[in-house]
């Protein structure tokens, strides 16, 4: 999977969320959880793809309202030849893994 994602370039990444559950304390805890989830996703994406510009993340708490909205805008590019090569390599490794699983499941004499 890493070979498939490595040639992807992210030119723009904006992720904005608005959250509220009507109770300020629960909204605050939920906002922190959303920040943590976004940080985890961003860490994974930045580990496997290349950002050309710094990503923009926002979590806006709505303490007095019950509301949930998220908006993700991104622009990515990948060269077609690199994508085809990475896909072929991915398929080869998947096929090899299937063969290893099949041979390991054979009954022992």
N, C-alpha and C. Protein backbone atom coordinates (compact mmCIF):
# COMPACT_ATOMS: atom_id res chain seq x y z
N UNK A 1 0.82 -1.20 0.00
CA UNK A 1 0.00 0.00 0.00
C UNK A 1 0.87 1.26 0.00
N UNK A 2 1.99 1.21 0.72
CA UNK A 2 2.87 2.38 0.78
C UNK A 2 3.41 2.74 -0.59
N UNK A 3 3.75 1.74 -1.41
CA UNK A 3 4.25 2.01 -2.76
C UNK A 3 3.18 2.66 -3.62
N UNK A 4 1.93 2.31 -3.36
CA UNK A 4 0.83 2.87 -4.13
C UNK A 4 0.59 4.34 -3.76
N UNK A 5 0.80 4.69 -2.48
CA UNK A 5 0.53 6.05 -2.03
C UNK A 5 1.72 7.00 -2.14
N UNK A 6 2.95 6.47 -2.16
CA UNK A 6 4.16 7.32 -2.13
C UNK A 6 4.19 8.36 -3.25
N UNK A 7 3.84 8.04 -4.50
CA UNK A 7 3.93 9.06 -5.56
C UNK A 7 2.83 10.13 -5.51
N UNK A 8 1.88 10.01 -4.60
CA UNK A 8 0.79 10.98 -4.51
C UNK A 8 1.31 12.28 -3.87
N UNK A 9 1.03 13.39 -4.50
CA UNK A 9 1.40 14.71 -3.99
C UNK A 9 0.11 15.44 -3.61
N UNK A 10 0.08 16.00 -2.40
CA UNK A 10 -1.09 16.75 -1.94
C UNK A 10 -0.77 18.23 -2.03
N UNK A 11 -1.47 18.92 -2.90
CA UNK A 11 -1.22 20.34 -3.15
C UNK A 11 -2.03 21.25 -2.23
N UNK A 12 -3.19 20.76 -1.80
CA UNK A 12 -4.03 21.55 -0.89
C UNK A 12 -4.81 20.59 -0.01
N UNK A 13 -4.87 20.90 1.28
CA UNK A 13 -5.57 20.04 2.24
C UNK A 13 -6.19 20.94 3.31
N UNK A 14 -7.51 21.13 3.24
CA UNK A 14 -8.25 21.92 4.22
C UNK A 14 -9.32 21.02 4.83
N UNK A 15 -9.31 20.89 6.16
CA UNK A 15 -10.27 20.04 6.85
C UNK A 15 -10.87 20.84 8.01
N UNK A 16 -12.13 21.19 7.88
CA UNK A 16 -12.82 22.02 8.86
C UNK A 16 -14.00 21.24 9.43
N UNK A 17 -14.12 21.25 10.75
CA UNK A 17 -15.25 20.57 11.41
C UNK A 17 -15.89 21.52 12.41
N UNK A 18 -17.21 21.43 12.50
CA UNK A 18 -17.97 22.17 13.52
C UNK A 18 -18.76 21.14 14.31
N UNK A 19 -18.68 21.24 15.64
CA UNK A 19 -19.30 20.21 16.48
C UNK A 19 -19.95 20.86 17.68
N UNK A 20 -21.12 20.38 18.04
CA UNK A 20 -21.80 20.80 19.25
C UNK A 20 -22.83 19.76 19.64
N UNK A 21 -22.97 19.54 20.96
CA UNK A 21 -23.98 18.58 21.43
C UNK A 21 -24.95 19.23 22.42
N UNK A 22 -24.87 20.55 22.58
CA UNK A 22 -25.78 21.25 23.47
C UNK A 22 -25.25 21.42 24.88
N UNK A 23 -24.33 20.57 25.30
CA UNK A 23 -23.72 20.67 26.63
C UNK A 23 -22.27 21.08 26.44
N UNK A 24 -21.87 22.20 27.07
CA UNK A 24 -20.54 22.76 26.84
C UNK A 24 -19.43 21.80 27.25
N UNK A 25 -19.57 21.12 28.39
CA UNK A 25 -18.48 20.24 28.84
C UNK A 25 -18.31 19.04 27.92
N UNK A 26 -19.39 18.45 27.49
CA UNK A 26 -19.30 17.30 26.57
C UNK A 26 -18.79 17.77 25.21
N UNK A 27 -19.24 18.94 24.77
CA UNK A 27 -18.74 19.49 23.51
C UNK A 27 -17.23 19.69 23.57
N UNK A 28 -16.73 20.18 24.70
CA UNK A 28 -15.29 20.37 24.86
C UNK A 28 -14.52 19.07 24.77
N UNK A 29 -15.03 18.03 25.44
CA UNK A 29 -14.36 16.71 25.37
C UNK A 29 -14.42 16.13 23.97
N UNK A 30 -15.56 16.28 23.32
CA UNK A 30 -15.73 15.78 21.95
C UNK A 30 -14.81 16.52 20.99
N UNK A 31 -14.66 17.82 21.19
CA UNK A 31 -13.75 18.62 20.35
C UNK A 31 -12.32 18.10 20.48
N UNK A 32 -11.89 17.80 21.69
CA UNK A 32 -10.55 17.23 21.90
C UNK A 32 -10.39 15.89 21.22
N UNK A 33 -11.43 15.06 21.28
CA UNK A 33 -11.37 13.75 20.61
C UNK A 33 -11.27 13.90 19.10
N UNK A 34 -11.99 14.87 18.55
CA UNK A 34 -11.94 15.12 17.10
C UNK A 34 -10.54 15.60 16.71
N UNK A 35 -9.95 16.49 17.53
CA UNK A 35 -8.58 16.94 17.26
C UNK A 35 -7.63 15.75 17.24
N UNK A 36 -7.77 14.85 18.20
CA UNK A 36 -6.92 13.67 18.25
C UNK A 36 -7.08 12.78 17.03
N UNK A 37 -8.33 12.57 16.60
CA UNK A 37 -8.60 11.76 15.42
C UNK A 37 -8.01 12.41 14.18
N UNK A 38 -8.19 13.71 14.04
CA UNK A 38 -7.64 14.41 12.88
C UNK A 38 -6.11 14.35 12.87
N UNK A 39 -5.51 14.49 14.04
CA UNK A 39 -4.05 14.40 14.13
C UNK A 39 -3.54 13.04 13.71
N UNK A 40 -4.25 11.98 14.12
CA UNK A 40 -3.87 10.62 13.74
C UNK A 40 -3.97 10.43 12.23
N UNK A 41 -5.08 10.88 11.64
CA UNK A 41 -5.27 10.76 10.19
C UNK A 41 -4.20 11.56 9.45
N UNK A 42 -3.94 12.77 9.90
CA UNK A 42 -2.95 13.61 9.24
C UNK A 42 -1.55 13.00 9.34
N UNK A 43 -1.23 12.41 10.49
CA UNK A 43 0.06 11.74 10.66
C UNK A 43 0.21 10.60 9.66
N UNK A 44 -0.83 9.77 9.52
CA UNK A 44 -0.78 8.65 8.57
C UNK A 44 -0.62 9.17 7.14
N UNK A 45 -1.40 10.18 6.78
CA UNK A 45 -1.35 10.71 5.41
C UNK A 45 0.04 11.30 5.13
N UNK A 46 0.58 12.07 6.08
CA UNK A 46 1.88 12.72 5.85
C UNK A 46 3.02 11.70 5.83
N UNK A 47 2.82 10.56 6.48
CA UNK A 47 3.84 9.51 6.48
C UNK A 47 3.91 8.81 5.12
N UNK A 48 2.79 8.72 4.42
CA UNK A 48 2.73 7.96 3.18
C UNK A 48 2.61 8.81 1.92
N UNK A 49 2.32 10.09 2.05
CA UNK A 49 2.19 10.98 0.90
C UNK A 49 3.00 12.25 1.15
N UNK A 50 3.15 13.07 0.12
CA UNK A 50 3.94 14.29 0.24
C UNK A 50 3.03 15.51 0.18
N UNK A 51 3.13 16.37 1.21
CA UNK A 51 2.40 17.63 1.21
C UNK A 51 3.25 18.70 0.54
N UNK A 52 2.68 19.40 -0.42
CA UNK A 52 3.37 20.51 -1.07
C UNK A 52 3.17 21.81 -0.30
N UNK A 53 2.05 21.92 0.42
CA UNK A 53 1.76 23.07 1.29
C UNK A 53 1.33 22.53 2.64
N UNK A 54 1.48 23.36 3.66
CA UNK A 54 1.08 22.98 5.00
C UNK A 54 -0.44 22.78 5.05
N UNK A 55 -0.91 21.66 5.62
CA UNK A 55 -2.35 21.42 5.69
C UNK A 55 -3.02 22.36 6.69
N UNK A 56 -4.30 22.61 6.48
CA UNK A 56 -5.10 23.45 7.36
C UNK A 56 -6.15 22.58 8.05
N UNK A 57 -6.12 22.59 9.38
CA UNK A 57 -7.11 21.85 10.17
C UNK A 57 -7.81 22.83 11.10
N UNK A 58 -9.11 22.67 11.26
CA UNK A 58 -9.88 23.47 12.22
C UNK A 58 -10.95 22.60 12.85
N UNK A 59 -11.14 22.77 14.14
CA UNK A 59 -12.28 22.18 14.84
C UNK A 59 -12.93 23.33 15.62
N UNK A 60 -14.15 23.64 15.25
CA UNK A 60 -14.86 24.77 15.85
C UNK A 60 -15.95 24.22 16.76
N UNK A 61 -15.80 24.42 18.08
CA UNK A 61 -16.83 23.95 19.00
C UNK A 61 -18.03 24.90 19.02
N UNK A 62 -19.22 24.34 19.00
CA UNK A 62 -20.46 25.12 19.12
C UNK A 62 -21.10 24.69 20.44
N UNK A 63 -20.75 25.40 21.50
CA UNK A 63 -21.09 24.97 22.86
C UNK A 63 -22.59 24.99 23.17
N UNK A 64 -23.35 25.84 22.54
CA UNK A 64 -24.77 25.98 22.88
C UNK A 64 -25.71 25.32 21.86
N UNK A 65 -25.15 24.63 20.86
CA UNK A 65 -25.98 24.08 19.79
C UNK A 65 -25.71 22.59 19.61
N UNK A 66 -26.67 21.92 19.01
CA UNK A 66 -26.50 20.54 18.60
C UNK A 66 -26.25 20.57 17.10
N UNK A 67 -25.00 20.27 16.72
CA UNK A 67 -24.62 20.45 15.32
C UNK A 67 -23.39 19.60 15.02
N UNK A 68 -23.34 19.07 13.81
CA UNK A 68 -22.16 18.32 13.38
C UNK A 68 -21.96 18.53 11.89
N UNK A 69 -20.77 18.97 11.51
CA UNK A 69 -20.46 19.19 10.11
C UNK A 69 -18.95 19.05 9.92
N UNK A 70 -18.56 18.40 8.87
CA UNK A 70 -17.15 18.37 8.52
C UNK A 70 -17.01 18.59 7.02
N UNK A 71 -15.97 19.28 6.64
CA UNK A 71 -15.74 19.61 5.23
C UNK A 71 -14.26 19.37 4.94
N UNK A 72 -13.99 18.55 3.96
CA UNK A 72 -12.62 18.23 3.57
C UNK A 72 -12.43 18.61 2.11
N UNK A 73 -11.47 19.49 1.87
CA UNK A 73 -11.12 19.88 0.51
C UNK A 73 -9.66 19.53 0.30
N UNK A 74 -9.38 18.79 -0.76
CA UNK A 74 -7.98 18.50 -1.05
C UNK A 74 -7.78 18.41 -2.56
N UNK A 75 -6.55 18.71 -2.96
CA UNK A 75 -6.17 18.59 -4.35
C UNK A 75 -4.92 17.72 -4.39
N UNK A 76 -5.01 16.61 -5.10
CA UNK A 76 -3.90 15.68 -5.18
C UNK A 76 -3.49 15.48 -6.63
N UNK A 77 -2.24 15.06 -6.81
CA UNK A 77 -1.78 14.73 -8.17
C UNK A 77 -0.90 13.50 -8.09
N UNK A 78 -0.93 12.76 -9.18
CA UNK A 78 -0.09 11.58 -9.31
C UNK A 78 0.17 11.37 -10.80
N UNK A 79 1.38 11.01 -11.12
CA UNK A 79 1.70 10.72 -12.52
C UNK A 79 1.13 9.36 -12.87
N UNK A 80 0.55 9.26 -14.05
CA UNK A 80 -0.14 8.04 -14.46
C UNK A 80 0.82 6.85 -14.50
N UNK A 81 2.00 7.04 -15.03
CA UNK A 81 2.97 5.95 -15.10
C UNK A 81 3.36 5.44 -13.72
N UNK A 82 3.56 6.35 -12.78
CA UNK A 82 3.88 5.95 -11.42
C UNK A 82 2.72 5.19 -10.77
N UNK A 83 1.52 5.64 -11.04
CA UNK A 83 0.34 4.98 -10.49
C UNK A 83 0.20 3.57 -11.03
N UNK A 84 0.41 3.39 -12.33
CA UNK A 84 0.31 2.06 -12.94
C UNK A 84 1.39 1.14 -12.38
N UNK A 85 2.62 1.64 -12.30
CA UNK A 85 3.72 0.83 -11.77
C UNK A 85 3.46 0.42 -10.31
N UNK A 86 3.03 1.37 -9.49
CA UNK A 86 2.75 1.07 -8.08
C UNK A 86 1.61 0.06 -7.95
N UNK A 87 0.57 0.19 -8.80
CA UNK A 87 -0.55 -0.73 -8.76
C UNK A 87 -0.11 -2.14 -9.14
N UNK A 88 0.72 -2.26 -10.17
CA UNK A 88 1.23 -3.58 -10.58
C UNK A 88 2.05 -4.21 -9.45
N UNK A 89 2.90 -3.42 -8.81
CA UNK A 89 3.70 -3.94 -7.69
C UNK A 89 2.80 -4.37 -6.54
N UNK A 90 1.76 -3.61 -6.27
CA UNK A 90 0.82 -3.95 -5.21
C UNK A 90 0.11 -5.26 -5.52
N UNK A 91 -0.31 -5.43 -6.77
CA UNK A 91 -1.00 -6.67 -7.15
C UNK A 91 -0.06 -7.88 -7.06
N UNK A 92 1.20 -7.71 -7.46
CA UNK A 92 2.18 -8.80 -7.35
C UNK A 92 2.37 -9.21 -5.90
N UNK A 93 2.51 -8.23 -5.02
CA UNK A 93 2.73 -8.57 -3.61
C UNK A 93 1.49 -9.22 -3.00
N UNK A 94 0.30 -8.79 -3.42
CA UNK A 94 -0.94 -9.39 -2.93
C UNK A 94 -1.04 -10.84 -3.39
N UNK A 95 -0.67 -11.08 -4.64
CA UNK A 95 -0.71 -12.44 -5.18
C UNK A 95 0.29 -13.34 -4.44
N UNK A 96 1.47 -12.81 -4.16
CA UNK A 96 2.49 -13.57 -3.44
C UNK A 96 2.01 -13.91 -2.03
N UNK A 97 1.37 -12.97 -1.37
CA UNK A 97 0.87 -13.20 -0.01
C UNK A 97 -0.23 -14.26 -0.01
N UNK A 98 -1.09 -14.25 -1.02
CA UNK A 98 -2.14 -15.27 -1.12
C UNK A 98 -1.54 -16.66 -1.27
N UNK A 99 -0.49 -16.76 -2.10
CA UNK A 99 0.16 -18.06 -2.28
C UNK A 99 0.78 -18.55 -0.98
N UNK A 100 1.39 -17.64 -0.21
CA UNK A 100 2.01 -18.03 1.06
C UNK A 100 0.94 -18.50 2.05
N UNK A 101 -0.21 -17.86 2.06
CA UNK A 101 -1.29 -18.26 2.97
C UNK A 101 -1.83 -19.62 2.54
N UNK A 102 -1.98 -19.84 1.24
CA UNK A 102 -2.50 -21.12 0.76
C UNK A 102 -1.55 -22.27 1.09
N UNK A 103 -0.25 -22.05 0.91
CA UNK A 103 0.70 -23.13 1.21
C UNK A 103 0.83 -23.36 2.71
N UNK A 104 0.64 -22.36 3.52
CA UNK A 104 0.73 -22.56 4.96
C UNK A 104 -0.51 -23.25 5.52
N UNK A 105 -1.62 -23.24 4.76
CA UNK A 105 -2.85 -23.90 5.20
C UNK A 105 -2.95 -25.35 4.74
N UNK A 106 -1.95 -25.83 3.97
CA UNK A 106 -1.98 -27.22 3.52
C UNK A 106 -1.81 -28.15 4.71
N UNK A 107 -2.51 -29.30 4.71
CA UNK A 107 -2.38 -30.24 5.82
C UNK A 107 -0.97 -30.85 5.83
N UNK A 108 -0.43 -31.01 7.03
CA UNK A 108 0.90 -31.61 7.20
C UNK A 108 0.79 -33.12 7.24
N UNK A 109 1.70 -33.82 6.53
CA UNK A 109 1.65 -35.29 6.51
C UNK A 109 2.49 -35.86 7.62
